[in-house]
Amino acid sequence: MIMGCKFTAKPGTLFTIRKETCNRVEAAFAENGISFARREVRMAIPGPEDADRLNDTGRPAAAAAAQHQAAEENKKTSSG
């Protein structure tokens, strides 16, 4: 969902009004249990138990995704 807000502001007050408007909208959403989307990507990588359900395109894609995940985990453990 994309929401827009239109208003007229005196010179020099635009950013203050925009910030306050965003804060009020966010607070109203929070009061009603509505959360904003997070900037993250989630991947569901099929495991060995799912191999029989993958087609010829899915098998190499799953293998590449698993390799990528393993490489990312290795980066974290070696640099941390």
N, C-alpha and C. Protein backbone atom coordinates (compact mmCIF):
# COMPACT_ATOMS: atom_id res chain seq x y z
N MET A 1 0.85 -1.16 0.00
CA MET A 1 0.00 0.00 0.00
C MET A 1 0.90 1.23 0.00
N ILE A 2 0.54 2.17 -0.80
CA ILE A 2 1.26 3.44 -0.84
C ILE A 2 0.30 4.53 -0.41
N MET A 3 0.74 5.32 0.54
CA MET A 3 -0.08 6.43 1.02
C MET A 3 0.58 7.74 0.62
N GLY A 4 -0.23 8.71 0.33
CA GLY A 4 0.29 10.02 0.00
C GLY A 4 -0.37 11.06 0.89
N CYS A 5 0.29 12.17 1.03
CA CYS A 5 -0.22 13.26 1.84
C CYS A 5 0.10 14.55 1.11
N LYS A 6 -0.87 15.42 1.00
CA LYS A 6 -0.65 16.66 0.28
C LYS A 6 -0.98 17.82 1.22
N PHE A 7 -0.08 18.79 1.28
CA PHE A 7 -0.32 19.95 2.14
C PHE A 7 0.43 21.15 1.59
N THR A 8 0.06 22.30 2.07
CA THR A 8 0.74 23.53 1.70
C THR A 8 1.50 24.02 2.93
N ALA A 9 2.74 24.41 2.72
CA ALA A 9 3.58 24.84 3.84
C ALA A 9 4.25 26.17 3.51
N LYS A 10 4.52 26.90 4.55
CA LYS A 10 5.26 28.15 4.38
C LYS A 10 6.72 27.79 4.09
N PRO A 11 7.42 28.67 3.40
CA PRO A 11 8.84 28.40 3.11
C PRO A 11 9.63 28.12 4.40
N GLY A 12 10.43 27.07 4.33
CA GLY A 12 11.27 26.71 5.47
C GLY A 12 10.62 25.76 6.46
N THR A 13 9.34 25.42 6.26
CA THR A 13 8.66 24.53 7.21
C THR A 13 8.33 23.17 6.62
N LEU A 14 8.61 22.97 5.35
CA LEU A 14 8.23 21.73 4.66
C LEU A 14 8.73 20.48 5.37
N PHE A 15 10.03 20.43 5.67
CA PHE A 15 10.60 19.22 6.24
C PHE A 15 10.11 18.96 7.66
N THR A 16 9.87 20.01 8.42
CA THR A 16 9.35 19.85 9.78
C THR A 16 7.93 19.29 9.73
N ILE A 17 7.11 19.82 8.84
CA ILE A 17 5.74 19.34 8.71
C ILE A 17 5.72 17.90 8.20
N ARG A 18 6.56 17.60 7.22
CA ARG A 18 6.61 16.24 6.68
C ARG A 18 7.04 15.24 7.74
N LYS A 19 8.02 15.59 8.54
CA LYS A 19 8.50 14.70 9.61
C LYS A 19 7.40 14.47 10.64
N GLU A 20 6.72 15.53 11.05
CA GLU A 20 5.65 15.41 12.03
C GLU A 20 4.49 14.57 11.48
N THR A 21 4.17 14.77 10.22
CA THR A 21 3.10 13.98 9.60
C THR A 21 3.46 12.50 9.59
N CYS A 22 4.67 12.19 9.20
CA CYS A 22 5.12 10.79 9.19
C CYS A 22 5.09 10.19 10.59
N ASN A 23 5.53 10.95 11.59
CA ASN A 23 5.52 10.46 12.97
C ASN A 23 4.10 10.17 13.44
N ARG A 24 3.16 11.05 13.10
CA ARG A 24 1.77 10.85 13.52
C ARG A 24 1.13 9.65 12.82
N VAL A 25 1.41 9.49 11.54
CA VAL A 25 0.88 8.34 10.82
C VAL A 25 1.45 7.05 11.39
N GLU A 26 2.74 7.03 11.63
CA GLU A 26 3.39 5.84 12.19
C GLU A 26 2.82 5.52 13.57
N ALA A 27 2.59 6.54 14.40
CA ALA A 27 2.03 6.32 15.74
C ALA A 27 0.60 5.79 15.65
N ALA A 28 -0.20 6.34 14.73
CA ALA A 28 -1.58 5.86 14.56
C ALA A 28 -1.60 4.41 14.09
N PHE A 29 -0.70 4.07 13.18
CA PHE A 29 -0.60 2.68 12.72
C PHE A 29 -0.23 1.77 13.89
N ALA A 30 0.77 2.16 14.66
CA ALA A 30 1.24 1.34 15.78
C ALA A 30 0.11 1.13 16.80
N GLU A 31 -0.67 2.16 17.08
CA GLU A 31 -1.79 2.04 18.02
C GLU A 31 -2.82 1.02 17.55
N ASN A 32 -2.91 0.84 16.26
CA ASN A 32 -3.88 -0.09 15.69
C ASN A 32 -3.26 -1.41 15.25
N GLY A 33 -2.04 -1.66 15.67
CA GLY A 33 -1.38 -2.93 15.40
C GLY A 33 -0.92 -3.12 13.97
N ILE A 34 -0.72 -2.02 13.25
CA ILE A 34 -0.26 -2.09 11.86
C ILE A 34 1.22 -1.75 11.83
N SER A 35 2.03 -2.64 11.25
CA SER A 35 3.46 -2.37 11.19
C SER A 35 3.88 -2.11 9.75
N PHE A 36 4.94 -1.36 9.60
CA PHE A 36 5.49 -1.07 8.28
C PHE A 36 6.35 -2.23 7.83
N ALA A 37 6.49 -2.38 6.53
CA ALA A 37 7.33 -3.43 5.98
C ALA A 37 8.78 -3.17 6.36
N ARG A 38 9.50 -4.24 6.56
CA ARG A 38 10.92 -4.13 6.88
C ARG A 38 11.72 -4.24 5.59
N ARG A 39 12.86 -3.64 5.59
CA ARG A 39 13.74 -3.73 4.42
C ARG A 39 14.64 -4.94 4.58
N GLU A 40 14.10 -6.09 4.25
CA GLU A 40 14.86 -7.32 4.35
C GLU A 40 14.37 -8.29 3.29
N VAL A 41 15.20 -9.22 2.99
CA VAL A 41 14.85 -10.26 2.03
C VAL A 41 14.92 -11.59 2.75
N ARG A 42 13.88 -12.37 2.60
CA ARG A 42 13.86 -13.71 3.21
C ARG A 42 13.81 -14.73 2.09
N MET A 43 14.67 -15.73 2.21
CA MET A 43 14.70 -16.78 1.20
C MET A 43 14.37 -18.10 1.87
N ALA A 44 13.51 -18.87 1.26
CA ALA A 44 13.23 -20.22 1.71
C ALA A 44 13.99 -21.15 0.78
N ILE A 45 15.01 -21.79 1.32
CA ILE A 45 15.84 -22.67 0.52
C ILE A 45 15.40 -24.11 0.75
N PRO A 46 15.00 -24.78 -0.30
CA PRO A 46 14.56 -26.17 -0.15
C PRO A 46 15.72 -27.04 0.37
N GLY A 47 15.38 -27.97 1.22
CA GLY A 47 16.37 -28.89 1.75
C GLY A 47 16.34 -30.20 0.98
N PRO A 48 17.17 -31.14 1.39
CA PRO A 48 17.23 -32.44 0.68
C PRO A 48 15.88 -33.15 0.65
N GLU A 49 15.05 -32.93 1.67
CA GLU A 49 13.74 -33.60 1.71
C GLU A 49 12.78 -33.06 0.64
N ASP A 50 13.11 -31.91 0.06
CA ASP A 50 12.27 -31.32 -0.98
C ASP A 50 12.76 -31.62 -2.39
N ALA A 51 13.82 -32.38 -2.53
CA ALA A 51 14.44 -32.61 -3.83
C ALA A 51 13.49 -33.24 -4.85
N ASP A 52 12.61 -34.12 -4.40
CA ASP A 52 11.70 -34.78 -5.33
C ASP A 52 10.62 -33.85 -5.87
N ARG A 53 10.40 -32.69 -5.22
CA ARG A 53 9.39 -31.74 -5.68
C ARG A 53 9.97 -30.66 -6.59
N LEU A 54 11.29 -30.63 -6.77
CA LEU A 54 11.92 -29.60 -7.61
C LEU A 54 11.99 -30.07 -9.06
N ASN A 55 11.82 -29.12 -9.98
CA ASN A 55 11.95 -29.45 -11.39
C ASN A 55 13.39 -29.18 -11.84
N ASP A 56 13.64 -29.32 -13.14
CA ASP A 56 15.00 -29.15 -13.66
C ASP A 56 15.52 -27.73 -13.47
N THR A 57 14.64 -26.76 -13.39
CA THR A 57 15.06 -25.38 -13.16
C THR A 57 15.29 -25.14 -11.66
N GLY A 58 14.47 -25.76 -10.83
CA GLY A 58 14.53 -25.54 -9.39
C GLY A 58 15.75 -26.14 -8.72
N ARG A 59 16.21 -27.30 -9.21
CA ARG A 59 17.36 -27.96 -8.58
C ARG A 59 18.63 -27.10 -8.63
N PRO A 60 19.03 -26.60 -9.81
CA PRO A 60 20.23 -25.76 -9.83
C PRO A 60 20.05 -24.45 -9.06
N ALA A 61 18.83 -23.90 -9.10
CA ALA A 61 18.57 -22.66 -8.37
C ALA A 61 18.69 -22.89 -6.87
N ALA A 62 18.17 -24.01 -6.39
CA ALA A 62 18.27 -24.33 -4.96
C ALA A 62 19.72 -24.56 -4.56
N ALA A 63 20.47 -25.24 -5.42
CA ALA A 63 21.89 -25.48 -5.12
C ALA A 63 22.67 -24.17 -5.08
N ALA A 64 22.39 -23.27 -6.02
CA ALA A 64 23.08 -21.97 -6.03
C ALA A 64 22.73 -21.15 -4.80
N ALA A 65 21.46 -21.18 -4.42
CA ALA A 65 21.03 -20.43 -3.23
C ALA A 65 21.69 -20.99 -1.98
N ALA A 66 21.80 -22.31 -1.88
CA ALA A 66 22.43 -22.92 -0.73
C ALA A 66 23.92 -22.57 -0.68
N GLN A 67 24.58 -22.54 -1.82
CA GLN A 67 26.00 -22.16 -1.86
C GLN A 67 26.17 -20.70 -1.44
N HIS A 68 25.27 -19.85 -1.91
CA HIS A 68 25.33 -18.43 -1.56
C HIS A 68 25.15 -18.25 -0.05
N GLN A 69 24.18 -18.96 0.51
CA GLN A 69 23.93 -18.85 1.95
C GLN A 69 25.14 -19.34 2.74
N ALA A 70 25.73 -20.43 2.31
CA ALA A 70 26.91 -20.96 3.00
C ALA A 70 28.07 -19.98 2.92
N ALA A 71 28.24 -19.34 1.76
CA ALA A 71 29.32 -18.36 1.62
C ALA A 71 29.08 -17.16 2.53
N GLU A 72 27.83 -16.69 2.64
CA GLU A 72 27.51 -15.57 3.51
C GLU A 72 27.77 -15.92 4.98
N GLU A 73 27.41 -17.13 5.37
CA GLU A 73 27.64 -17.57 6.74
C GLU A 73 29.13 -17.68 7.03
N ASN A 74 29.91 -18.14 6.04
CA ASN A 74 31.36 -18.23 6.22
C ASN A 74 31.97 -16.84 6.38
N LYS A 75 31.48 -15.85 5.64
CA LYS A 75 31.96 -14.47 5.78
C LYS A 75 31.72 -13.95 7.18
N LYS A 76 30.53 -14.23 7.71
CA LYS A 76 30.17 -13.74 9.04
C LYS A 76 31.06 -14.36 10.11
N THR A 77 31.29 -15.67 10.01
CA THR A 77 32.08 -16.35 11.05
C THR A 77 33.56 -16.01 10.94
N SER A 78 34.07 -15.78 9.72
CA SER A 78 35.48 -15.49 9.59
C SER A 78 35.82 -14.04 9.91
N SER A 79 34.86 -13.12 9.72
CA SER A 79 35.14 -11.72 10.00
C SER A 79 34.70 -11.31 11.39
N GLY A 80 33.88 -12.11 12.04
CA GLY A 80 33.33 -11.73 13.34
C GLY A 80 34.09 -12.26 14.44
